[in-house]
Amino acid sequence: MNEIFDKLIKSKIEQFEYDYINLSRQIFVNSEGKLINPGEFGVYREGIIKNFLSPFLPTRLAIGSGFIITSKNRISTQCDIIIYDREHTPLIENNEQRFFPVECVAGVIEVKSKLTKSTLKEALVKLSAIKDLRNDIGSNPYIFKDYEDDTKFDAKLKVRDQMATFLICESIDIDIAKEIDTMFADIYAGIDKSLFHNMILSLNDCCFAYFEGDKLMYRAYFNYAKSTFKNECIFPHELGYKKEHILMFLNYFYMIISSVSIMDIEITSYLGSKRLKKTLKET
């Protein structure tokens, strides 16, 4: 790695971790250890993540927050961070809320503080429901895709046609080494593999990724077409760089978010106007 680039990245990681864990509490926790204004505390931390990740996004992508909508009248719960195509996403706003058509959404990030096993499950199930919205996309033409394949869009069979989902938190109160092989099976019981998270970053613990087969090749996605994919943890390095897990998260975050397919939006399917649909077909 280039030494200058290496130093810049590590400087950003150090600042990010300090701001997320320490500075945010200095601002929003009083002398009695009680959280002041939890809502603003969450928004502040979301802002820290946005500033941290923005330099690692392709210029065609941007970061926002709000709700994801589909042409089949489905809407997500509020999303902390939405990564979307800045050039092809129409501005749909209602007062202070913004709505993003699912075709233009590349990824979603859930932002948390300290998680237990139950709150981890709650967050990941929420992300799987958001991910399922991509199954509402029909035969729309591609605006962007990062693979050569002439077959049609399929979020259930093609990992790059599915949006990417991430969870970033301060810590997870579980014995990761002992429970990693079983906890995700419990969390995702009855949920299709195409809806599994891409990565989890616990700043105090590790980065959860995947590996394929016997060779340890990290992936930022679960290839649900193969049975050889398994969960894997990237822990802080004991001898080398102490925040190796954050560095690895950045690396695989960029790789997956930059490869998610973006689809054309059929505005008439959102408007629901039969007359407008007929007029546009005739022009």
C-alpha atoms as a PDB file:
ATOM      1  CA  MET A   1       0.000   0.000   0.000  1.00  0.00           C
ATOM      2  CA  ASN A   2       1.143   3.568  -0.712  1.00  0.00           C
ATOM      3  CA  GLU A   3       2.520   4.997   2.563  1.00  0.00           C
ATOM      4  CA  ILE A   4       0.772   8.362   2.219  1.00  0.00           C
ATOM      5  CA  PHE A   5      -2.572   6.733   1.399  1.00  0.00           C
ATOM      6  CA  ASP A   6      -2.083   4.298   4.286  1.00  0.00           C
ATOM      7  CA  LYS A   7      -1.481   7.132   6.750  1.00  0.00           C
ATOM      8  CA  LEU A   8      -4.484   9.113   5.518  1.00  0.00           C
ATOM      9  CA  ILE A   9      -6.816   6.127   5.798  1.00  0.00           C
ATOM     10  CA  LYS A  10      -5.619   5.211   9.286  1.00  0.00           C
ATOM     11  CA  SER A  11      -5.952   8.835  10.398  1.00  0.00           C
ATOM     12  CA  LYS A  12      -9.580   8.844   9.239  1.00  0.00           C
ATOM     13  CA  ILE A  13     -10.214   5.549  11.047  1.00  0.00           C
ATOM     14  CA  GLU A  14      -8.722   6.872  14.306  1.00  0.00           C
ATOM     15  CA  GLN A  15     -10.833  10.030  14.118  1.00  0.00           C
ATOM     16  CA  PHE A  16     -13.981   8.095  13.230  1.00  0.00           C
ATOM     17  CA  GLU A  17     -13.638   5.690  16.141  1.00  0.00           C
ATOM     18  CA  TYR A  18     -12.910   8.502  18.619  1.00  0.00           C
ATOM     19  CA  ASP A  19     -15.842  10.645  17.432  1.00  0.00           C
ATOM     20  CA  TYR A  20     -18.292   7.719  17.395  1.00  0.00           C
ATOM     21  CA  ILE A  21     -17.426   6.268  20.809  1.00  0.00           C
ATOM     22  CA  ASN A  22     -16.001   9.153  22.842  1.00  0.00           C
ATOM     23  CA  LEU A  23     -16.890  12.566  21.418  1.00  0.00           C
ATOM     24  CA  SER A  24     -20.552  11.698  20.875  1.00  0.00           C
ATOM     25  CA  ARG A  25     -20.873  10.750  24.554  1.00  0.00           C
ATOM     26  CA  GLN A  26     -19.011  13.852  25.728  1.00  0.00           C
ATOM     27  CA  ILE A  27     -21.649  15.920  23.927  1.00  0.00           C
ATOM     28  CA  PHE A  28     -24.812  13.937  24.698  1.00  0.00           C
ATOM     29  CA  VAL A  29     -24.172  12.310  28.103  1.00  0.00           C
ATOM     30  CA  ASN A  30     -24.508  14.413  31.285  1.00  0.00           C
ATOM     31  CA  SER A  31     -22.420  14.292  34.483  1.00  0.00           C
ATOM     32  CA  GLU A  32     -24.725  11.611  35.901  1.00  0.00           C
ATOM     33  CA  GLY A  33     -24.075   9.311  32.946  1.00  0.00           C
ATOM     34  CA  LYS A  34     -27.542   9.786  31.453  1.00  0.00           C
ATOM     35  CA  LEU A  35     -28.090  10.248  27.738  1.00  0.00           C
ATOM     36  CA  ILE A  36     -29.389  13.691  26.795  1.00  0.00           C
ATOM     37  CA  ASN A  37     -31.749  13.742  23.816  1.00  0.00           C
ATOM     38  CA  PRO A  38     -31.349  10.188  22.433  1.00  0.00           C
ATOM     39  CA  GLY A  39     -32.796  11.217  19.064  1.00  0.00           C
ATOM     40  CA  GLU A  40     -30.151  13.866  18.442  1.00  0.00           C
ATOM     41  CA  PHE A  41     -27.480  11.460  19.726  1.00  0.00           C
ATOM     42  CA  GLY A  42     -28.469   8.986  17.021  1.00  0.00           C
ATOM     43  CA  VAL A  43     -28.561  11.650  14.306  1.00  0.00           C
ATOM     44  CA  TYR A  44     -25.126  12.881  15.380  1.00  0.00           C
ATOM     45  CA  ARG A  45     -23.661   9.388  15.078  1.00  0.00           C
ATOM     46  CA  GLU A  46     -25.291   8.908  11.682  1.00  0.00           C
ATOM     47  CA  GLY A  47     -23.557  12.109  10.587  1.00  0.00           C
ATOM     48  CA  ILE A  48     -20.202  10.767  11.783  1.00  0.00           C
ATOM     49  CA  ILE A  49     -20.668   7.639   9.674  1.00  0.00           C
ATOM     50  CA  LYS A  50     -21.761   9.629   6.616  1.00  0.00           C
ATOM     51  CA  ASN A  51     -18.648  11.810   6.820  1.00  0.00           C
ATOM     52  CA  PHE A  52     -16.435   8.767   7.317  1.00  0.00           C
ATOM     53  CA  LEU A  53     -17.801   6.722   4.407  1.00  0.00           C
ATOM     54  CA  SER A  54     -18.388   9.484   1.839  1.00  0.00           C
ATOM     55  CA  PRO A  55     -14.769   9.507   0.558  1.00  0.00           C
ATOM     56  CA  PHE A  56     -15.021   5.747  -0.065  1.00  0.00           C
ATOM     57  CA  LEU A  57     -18.010   5.948  -2.388  1.00  0.00           C
ATOM     58  CA  PRO A  58     -17.893   6.159  -6.193  1.00  0.00           C
ATOM     59  CA  THR A  59     -18.808   9.700  -7.254  1.00  0.00           C
ATOM     60  CA  ARG A  60     -22.047   8.450  -8.841  1.00  0.00           C
ATOM     61  CA  LEU A  61     -23.353   7.470  -5.368  1.00  0.00           C
ATOM     62  CA  ALA A  62     -24.512   9.725  -2.530  1.00  0.00           C
ATOM     63  CA  ILE A  63     -25.649   9.346   1.085  1.00  0.00           C
ATOM     64  CA  GLY A  64     -29.033  10.319   2.511  1.00  0.00           C
ATOM     65  CA  SER A  65     -31.676   9.105   4.944  1.00  0.00           C
ATOM     66  CA  GLY A  66     -35.414   8.523   4.868  1.00  0.00           C
ATOM     67  CA  PHE A  67     -37.684   5.830   3.441  1.00  0.00           C
ATOM     68  CA  ILE A  68     -37.453   3.406   0.523  1.00  0.00           C
ATOM     69  CA  ILE A  69     -40.561   2.940  -1.625  1.00  0.00           C
ATOM     70  CA  THR A  70     -41.523   0.493  -4.374  1.00  0.00           C
ATOM     71  CA  SER A  71     -43.919   0.606  -7.324  1.00  0.00           C
ATOM     72  CA  LYS A  72     -45.997  -2.071  -5.580  1.00  0.00           C
ATOM     73  CA  ASN A  73     -46.960   0.348  -2.820  1.00  0.00           C
ATOM     74  CA  ARG A  74     -44.535  -0.982  -0.222  1.00  0.00           C
ATOM     75  CA  ILE A  75     -42.505   1.310   2.022  1.00  0.00           C
ATOM     76  CA  SER A  76     -39.619   0.616   4.387  1.00  0.00           C
ATOM     77  CA  THR A  77     -39.273   1.637   7.981  1.00  0.00           C
ATOM     78  CA  GLN A  78     -37.112   4.749   8.383  1.00  0.00           C
ATOM     79  CA  CYS A  79     -33.552   4.048   7.283  1.00  0.00           C
ATOM     80  CA  ASP A  80     -30.656   5.649   9.148  1.00  0.00           C
ATOM     81  CA  ILE A  81     -28.414   5.844   6.075  1.00  0.00           C
ATOM     82  CA  ILE A  82     -29.372   5.248   2.438  1.00  0.00           C
ATOM     83  CA  ILE A  83     -26.773   5.065  -0.332  1.00  0.00           C
ATOM     84  CA  TYR A  84     -28.331   5.931  -3.680  1.00  0.00           C
ATOM     85  CA  ASP A  85     -27.521   6.866  -7.259  1.00  0.00           C
ATOM     86  CA  ARG A  86     -27.247  10.664  -7.238  1.00  0.00           C
ATOM     87  CA  GLU A  87     -27.861  11.091 -10.974  1.00  0.00           C
ATOM     88  CA  HIS A  88     -30.978   8.966 -11.414  1.00  0.00           C
ATOM     89  CA  THR A  89     -32.873   9.304  -8.125  1.00  0.00           C
ATOM     90  CA  PRO A  90     -35.885  11.660  -8.358  1.00  0.00           C
ATOM     91  CA  LEU A  91     -36.370  14.074  -5.461  1.00  0.00           C
ATOM     92  CA  ILE A  92     -39.505  12.910  -3.626  1.00  0.00           C
ATOM     93  CA  GLU A  93     -40.060  14.833  -0.396  1.00  0.00           C
ATOM     94  CA  ASN A  94     -42.886  15.432   2.060  1.00  0.00           C
ATOM     95  CA  ASN A  95     -42.026  18.116   4.597  1.00  0.00           C
ATOM     96  CA  GLU A  96     -38.705  16.907   6.082  1.00  0.00           C
ATOM     97  CA  GLN A  97     -38.989  13.283   4.932  1.00  0.00           C
ATOM     98  CA  ARG A  98     -37.401  11.969   1.758  1.00  0.00           C
ATOM     99  CA  PHE A  99     -38.459   8.896  -0.222  1.00  0.00           C
ATOM    100  CA  PHE A 100     -36.124   6.856  -2.435  1.00  0.00           C
ATOM    101  CA  PRO A 101     -37.377   4.535  -5.201  1.00  0.00           C
ATOM    102  CA  VAL A 102     -35.887   1.105  -4.557  1.00  0.00           C
ATOM    103  CA  GLU A 103     -34.482   0.852  -8.092  1.00  0.00           C
ATOM    104  CA  CYS A 104     -31.917   3.572  -7.292  1.00  0.00           C
ATOM    105  CA  VAL A 105     -30.868   2.384  -3.833  1.00  0.00           C
ATOM    106  CA  ALA A 106     -27.485   0.666  -3.644  1.00  0.00           C
ATOM    107  CA  GLY A 107     -27.362   0.105   0.106  1.00  0.00           C
ATOM    108  CA  VAL A 108     -28.675   0.768   3.598  1.00  0.00           C
ATOM    109  CA  ILE A 109     -26.795   1.153   6.881  1.00  0.00           C
ATOM    110  CA  GLU A 110     -28.354   0.646  10.310  1.00  0.00           C
ATOM    111  CA  VAL A 111     -26.626   2.631  13.081  1.00  0.00           C
ATOM    112  CA  LYS A 112     -26.595   1.297  16.649  1.00  0.00           C
ATOM    113  CA  SER A 113     -24.803   1.751  19.979  1.00  0.00           C
ATOM    114  CA  LYS A 114     -24.376  -1.297  22.245  1.00  0.00           C
ATOM    115  CA  LEU A 115     -26.230  -4.424  21.136  1.00  0.00           C
ATOM    116  CA  THR A 116     -27.355  -7.565  22.905  1.00  0.00           C
ATOM    117  CA  LYS A 117     -28.158 -10.783  21.070  1.00  0.00           C
ATOM    118  CA  SER A 118     -31.850  -9.853  20.959  1.00  0.00           C
ATOM    119  CA  THR A 119     -31.314  -6.280  19.715  1.00  0.00           C
ATOM    120  CA  LEU A 120     -28.817  -7.583  17.137  1.00  0.00           C
ATOM    121  CA  LYS A 121     -31.507  -9.923  15.842  1.00  0.00           C
ATOM    122  CA  GLU A 122     -34.052  -7.098  15.750  1.00  0.00           C
ATOM    123  CA  ALA A 123     -31.708  -4.900  13.697  1.00  0.00           C
ATOM    124  CA  LEU A 124     -30.797  -7.643  11.205  1.00  0.00           C
ATOM    125  CA  VAL A 125     -34.401  -8.753  10.704  1.00  0.00           C
ATOM    126  CA  LYS A 126     -35.286  -5.120   9.991  1.00  0.00           C
ATOM    127  CA  LEU A 127     -32.522  -4.949   7.374  1.00  0.00           C
ATOM    128  CA  SER A 128     -33.707  -8.188   5.760  1.00  0.00           C
ATOM    129  CA  ALA A 129     -37.205  -6.700   5.385  1.00  0.00           C
ATOM    130  CA  ILE A 130     -35.732  -3.607   3.722  1.00  0.00           C
ATOM    131  CA  LYS A 131     -33.673  -5.786   1.403  1.00  0.00           C
ATOM    132  CA  ASP A 132     -36.811  -7.686   0.374  1.00  0.00           C
ATOM    133  CA  LEU A 133     -38.153  -4.496  -1.258  1.00  0.00           C
ATOM    134  CA  ARG A 134     -35.820  -5.107  -4.201  1.00  0.00           C
ATOM    135  CA  ASN A 135     -37.942  -8.098  -5.136  1.00  0.00           C
ATOM    136  CA  ASP A 136     -40.603  -5.598  -6.245  1.00  0.00           C
ATOM    137  CA  ILE A 137     -38.444  -4.528  -9.199  1.00  0.00           C
ATOM    138  CA  GLY A 138     -39.788  -5.965 -12.444  1.00  0.00           C
ATOM    139  CA  SER A 139     -38.182  -6.147 -15.869  1.00  0.00           C
ATOM    140  CA  ASN A 140     -36.761  -2.621 -15.705  1.00  0.00           C
ATOM    141  CA  PRO A 141     -33.673  -2.033 -17.867  1.00  0.00           C
ATOM    142  CA  TYR A 142     -30.299  -1.634 -16.134  1.00  0.00           C
ATOM    143  CA  ILE A 143     -28.763   1.807 -15.664  1.00  0.00           C
ATOM    144  CA  PHE A 144     -25.649   0.289 -14.117  1.00  0.00           C
ATOM    145  CA  LYS A 145     -24.444  -3.270 -13.591  1.00  0.00           C
ATOM    146  CA  ASP A 146     -21.011  -4.624 -12.763  1.00  0.00           C
ATOM    147  CA  TYR A 147     -21.127  -7.969 -14.549  1.00  0.00           C
ATOM    148  CA  GLU A 148     -21.587  -9.379 -18.034  1.00  0.00           C
ATOM    149  CA  ASP A 149     -24.862 -11.248 -18.175  1.00  0.00           C
ATOM    150  CA  ASP A 150     -27.701 -10.734 -20.625  1.00  0.00           C
ATOM    151  CA  THR A 151     -30.345 -12.333 -18.415  1.00  0.00           C
ATOM    152  CA  LYS A 152     -32.892 -10.158 -16.643  1.00  0.00           C
ATOM    153  CA  PHE A 153     -32.706  -8.625 -13.181  1.00  0.00           C
ATOM    154  CA  ASP A 154     -33.054 -11.139 -10.333  1.00  0.00           C
ATOM    155  CA  ALA A 155     -32.437 -10.049  -6.731  1.00  0.00           C
ATOM    156  CA  LYS A 156     -32.905 -13.591  -5.439  1.00  0.00           C
ATOM    157  CA  LEU A 157     -30.305 -15.234  -7.658  1.00  0.00           C
ATOM    158  CA  LYS A 158     -27.764 -12.493  -8.395  1.00  0.00           C
ATOM    159  CA  VAL A 159     -25.968 -10.995  -5.410  1.00  0.00           C
ATOM    160  CA  ARG A 160     -25.139  -7.777  -7.282  1.00  0.00           C
ATOM    161  CA  ASP A 161     -28.790  -7.218  -8.180  1.00  0.00           C
ATOM    162  CA  GLN A 162     -29.635  -7.117  -4.473  1.00  0.00           C
ATOM    163  CA  MET A 163     -29.015  -3.966  -2.429  1.00  0.00           C
ATOM    164  CA  ALA A 164     -26.249  -4.134   0.192  1.00  0.00           C
ATOM    165  CA  THR A 165     -27.080  -3.857   3.902  1.00  0.00           C
ATOM    166  CA  PHE A 166     -24.697  -3.025   6.733  1.00  0.00           C
ATOM    167  CA  LEU A 167     -24.895  -2.695  10.495  1.00  0.00           C
ATOM    168  CA  ILE A 168     -22.449  -0.441  12.364  1.00  0.00           C
ATOM    169  CA  CYS A 169     -22.427  -0.446  16.155  1.00  0.00           C
ATOM    170  CA  GLU A 170     -20.199   0.252  19.113  1.00  0.00           C
ATOM    171  CA  SER A 171     -20.210  -3.245  20.604  1.00  0.00           C
ATOM    172  CA  ILE A 172     -22.108  -6.546  20.711  1.00  0.00           C
ATOM    173  CA  ASP A 173     -22.568  -8.220  24.081  1.00  0.00           C
ATOM    174  CA  ILE A 174     -22.100 -11.838  23.011  1.00  0.00           C
ATOM    175  CA  ASP A 175     -19.282 -14.396  22.987  1.00  0.00           C
ATOM    176  CA  ILE A 176     -18.551 -14.015  19.285  1.00  0.00           C
ATOM    177  CA  ALA A 177     -16.002 -16.825  19.029  1.00  0.00           C
ATOM    178  CA  LYS A 178     -18.415 -19.349  20.544  1.00  0.00           C
ATOM    179  CA  GLU A 179     -21.679 -18.194  19.002  1.00  0.00           C
ATOM    180  CA  ILE A 180     -20.818 -17.178  15.428  1.00  0.00           C
ATOM    181  CA  ASP A 181     -21.652 -20.629  14.037  1.00  0.00           C
ATOM    182  CA  THR A 182     -25.136 -20.697  15.554  1.00  0.00           C
ATOM    183  CA  MET A 183     -26.374 -17.160  16.177  1.00  0.00           C
ATOM    184  CA  PHE A 184     -27.028 -16.246  12.528  1.00  0.00           C
ATOM    185  CA  ALA A 185     -28.914 -19.490  11.969  1.00  0.00           C
ATOM    186  CA  ASP A 186     -31.215 -18.437  14.811  1.00  0.00           C
ATOM    187  CA  ILE A 187     -31.502 -14.823  13.666  1.00  0.00           C
ATOM    188  CA  TYR A 188     -32.347 -15.727  10.071  1.00  0.00           C
ATOM    189  CA  ALA A 189     -34.595 -18.713  10.737  1.00  0.00           C
ATOM    190  CA  GLY A 190     -37.199 -18.776   7.953  1.00  0.00           C
ATOM    191  CA  ILE A 191     -35.570 -15.876   6.056  1.00  0.00           C
ATOM    192  CA  ASP A 192     -34.260 -16.369   2.519  1.00  0.00           C
ATOM    193  CA  LYS A 193     -30.464 -16.246   2.196  1.00  0.00           C
ATOM    194  CA  SER A 194     -30.700 -13.497  -0.383  1.00  0.00           C
ATOM    195  CA  LEU A 195     -31.861 -11.185   2.429  1.00  0.00           C
ATOM    196  CA  PHE A 196     -28.908 -11.758   4.778  1.00  0.00           C
ATOM    197  CA  HIS A 197     -26.780  -8.744   5.796  1.00  0.00           C
ATOM    198  CA  ASN A 198     -23.594  -7.964   3.904  1.00  0.00           C
ATOM    199  CA  MET A 199     -21.357  -6.886   6.775  1.00  0.00           C
ATOM    200  CA  ILE A 200     -21.498  -5.938  10.438  1.00  0.00           C
ATOM    201  CA  LEU A 201     -18.906  -3.640  11.983  1.00  0.00           C
ATOM    202  CA  SER A 202     -18.657  -3.652  15.772  1.00  0.00           C
ATOM    203  CA  LEU A 203     -16.019  -1.043  16.595  1.00  0.00           C
ATOM    204  CA  ASN A 204     -15.035  -2.676  19.879  1.00  0.00           C
ATOM    205  CA  ASP A 205     -15.189  -6.261  18.659  1.00  0.00           C
ATOM    206  CA  CYS A 206     -14.750  -7.235  15.004  1.00  0.00           C
ATOM    207  CA  CYS A 207     -16.049  -7.077  11.454  1.00  0.00           C
ATOM    208  CA  PHE A 208     -18.429  -9.842  10.397  1.00  0.00           C
ATOM    209  CA  ALA A 209     -17.926 -10.910   6.786  1.00  0.00           C
ATOM    210  CA  TYR A 210     -18.136 -14.187   4.852  1.00  0.00           C
ATOM    211  CA  PHE A 211     -15.665 -16.652   3.425  1.00  0.00           C
ATOM    212  CA  GLU A 212     -15.991 -19.170   0.658  1.00  0.00           C
ATOM    213  CA  GLY A 213     -15.128 -22.838   1.152  1.00  0.00           C
ATOM    214  CA  ASP A 214     -11.823 -23.955   2.612  1.00  0.00           C
ATOM    215  CA  LYS A 215      -9.758 -21.038   1.347  1.00  0.00           C
ATOM    216  CA  LEU A 216     -10.130 -17.929   3.462  1.00  0.00           C
ATOM    217  CA  MET A 217     -11.306 -15.404   0.879  1.00  0.00           C
ATOM    218  CA  TYR A 218     -13.356 -12.693   2.515  1.00  0.00           C
ATOM    219  CA  ARG A 219     -16.542 -11.514   0.821  1.00  0.00           C
ATOM    220  CA  ALA A 220     -18.944  -8.695   1.582  1.00  0.00           C
ATOM    221  CA  TYR A 221     -21.863 -10.848   0.519  1.00  0.00           C
ATOM    222  CA  PHE A 222     -23.378 -14.261   1.129  1.00  0.00           C
ATOM    223  CA  ASN A 223     -23.478 -16.061  -2.207  1.00  0.00           C
ATOM    224  CA  TYR A 224     -26.767 -17.849  -1.676  1.00  0.00           C
ATOM    225  CA  ALA A 225     -26.288 -19.915  -4.825  1.00  0.00           C
ATOM    226  CA  LYS A 226     -23.427 -21.782  -3.137  1.00  0.00           C
ATOM    227  CA  SER A 227     -23.463 -23.948  -0.010  1.00  0.00           C
ATOM    228  CA  THR A 228     -19.784 -23.267   0.703  1.00  0.00           C
ATOM    229  CA  PHE A 229     -20.253 -19.743   2.081  1.00  0.00           C
ATOM    230  CA  LYS A 230     -19.870 -19.339   5.852  1.00  0.00           C
ATOM    231  CA  ASN A 231     -19.718 -16.538   8.414  1.00  0.00           C
ATOM    232  CA  GLU A 232     -16.325 -15.241   9.422  1.00  0.00           C
ATOM    233  CA  CYS A 233     -14.986 -12.642  11.863  1.00  0.00           C
ATOM    234  CA  ILE A 234     -12.135 -10.238  11.230  1.00  0.00           C
ATOM    235  CA  PHE A 235     -10.831  -9.327  14.691  1.00  0.00           C
ATOM    236  CA  PRO A 236      -8.585  -6.394  15.672  1.00  0.00           C
ATOM    237  CA  HIS A 237      -5.008  -7.373  14.848  1.00  0.00           C
ATOM    238  CA  GLU A 238      -3.060  -8.436  17.944  1.00  0.00           C
ATOM    239  CA  LEU A 239       0.399  -7.688  16.549  1.00  0.00           C
ATOM    240  CA  GLY A 240      -0.127  -5.388  13.568  1.00  0.00           C
ATOM    241  CA  TYR A 241      -2.589  -2.547  13.072  1.00  0.00           C
ATOM    242  CA  LYS A 242      -4.977  -2.536  16.029  1.00  0.00           C
ATOM    243  CA  LYS A 243      -7.948  -1.444  13.961  1.00  0.00           C
ATOM    244  CA  GLU A 244      -7.491  -3.943  11.150  1.00  0.00           C
ATOM    245  CA  HIS A 245     -11.191  -4.889  11.347  1.00  0.00           C
ATOM    246  CA  ILE A 246     -12.258  -1.307  10.511  1.00  0.00           C
ATOM    247  CA  LEU A 247      -9.780  -1.127   7.648  1.00  0.00           C
ATOM    248  CA  MET A 248     -11.102  -4.406   6.239  1.00  0.00           C
ATOM    249  CA  PHE A 249     -14.672  -3.164   6.567  1.00  0.00           C
ATOM    250  CA  LEU A 250     -13.815  -0.121   4.452  1.00  0.00           C
ATOM    251  CA  ASN A 251     -12.179  -2.285   1.823  1.00  0.00           C
ATOM    252  CA  TYR A 252     -15.094  -4.690   1.391  1.00  0.00           C
ATOM    253  CA  PHE A 253     -17.681  -1.946   1.840  1.00  0.00           C
ATOM    254  CA  TYR A 254     -16.277  -0.168  -1.215  1.00  0.00           C
ATOM    255  CA  MET A 255     -16.079  -3.375  -3.221  1.00  0.00           C
ATOM    256  CA  ILE A 256     -19.724  -4.347  -2.694  1.00  0.00           C
ATOM    257  CA  ILE A 257     -21.411  -0.925  -2.717  1.00  0.00           C
ATOM    258  CA  SER A 258     -19.713   0.040  -5.991  1.00  0.00           C
ATOM    259  CA  SER A 259     -20.962  -3.125  -7.720  1.00  0.00           C
ATOM    260  CA  VAL A 260     -24.705  -3.035  -6.832  1.00  0.00           C
ATOM    261  CA  SER A 261     -26.974  -2.818  -9.867  1.00  0.00           C
ATOM    262  CA  ILE A 262     -29.000   0.359 -10.400  1.00  0.00           C
ATOM    263  CA  MET A 263     -32.227   0.034 -12.374  1.00  0.00           C
ATOM    264  CA  ASP A 264     -34.243   2.416 -14.499  1.00  0.00           C
ATOM    265  CA  ILE A 265     -37.387   3.783 -12.833  1.00  0.00           C
ATOM    266  CA  GLU A 266     -40.728   3.416 -14.575  1.00  0.00           C
ATOM    267  CA  ILE A 267     -42.393   6.522 -13.179  1.00  0.00           C
ATOM    268  CA  THR A 268     -45.864   5.488 -14.362  1.00  0.00           C
ATOM    269  CA  SER A 269     -45.757   2.395 -12.169  1.00  0.00           C
ATOM    270  CA  TYR A 270     -45.355   4.691  -9.158  1.00  0.00           C
ATOM    271  CA  LEU A 271     -47.978   7.216 -10.242  1.00  0.00           C
ATOM    272  CA  GLY A 272     -50.664   4.618 -10.854  1.00  0.00           C
ATOM    273  CA  SER A 273     -52.309   6.719 -13.576  1.00  0.00           C
ATOM    274  CA  LYS A 274     -53.760   4.511 -16.327  1.00  0.00           C
ATOM    275  CA  ARG A 275     -54.346   7.539 -18.556  1.00  0.00           C
ATOM    276  CA  LEU A 276     -50.746   8.712 -18.162  1.00  0.00           C
ATOM    277  CA  LYS A 277     -49.444   5.213 -18.851  1.00  0.00           C
ATOM    278  CA  LYS A 278     -51.531   5.037 -22.043  1.00  0.00           C
ATOM    279  CA  THR A 279     -50.370   8.509 -23.167  1.00  0.00           C
ATOM    280  CA  LEU A 280     -46.711   7.678 -22.640  1.00  0.00           C
ATOM    281  CA  LYS A 281     -47.056   4.424 -24.543  1.00  0.00           C
ATOM    282  CA  GLU A 282     -48.506   6.256 -27.535  1.00  0.00           C
ATOM    283  CA  THR A 283     -45.795   8.940 -27.640  1.00  0.00           C
END
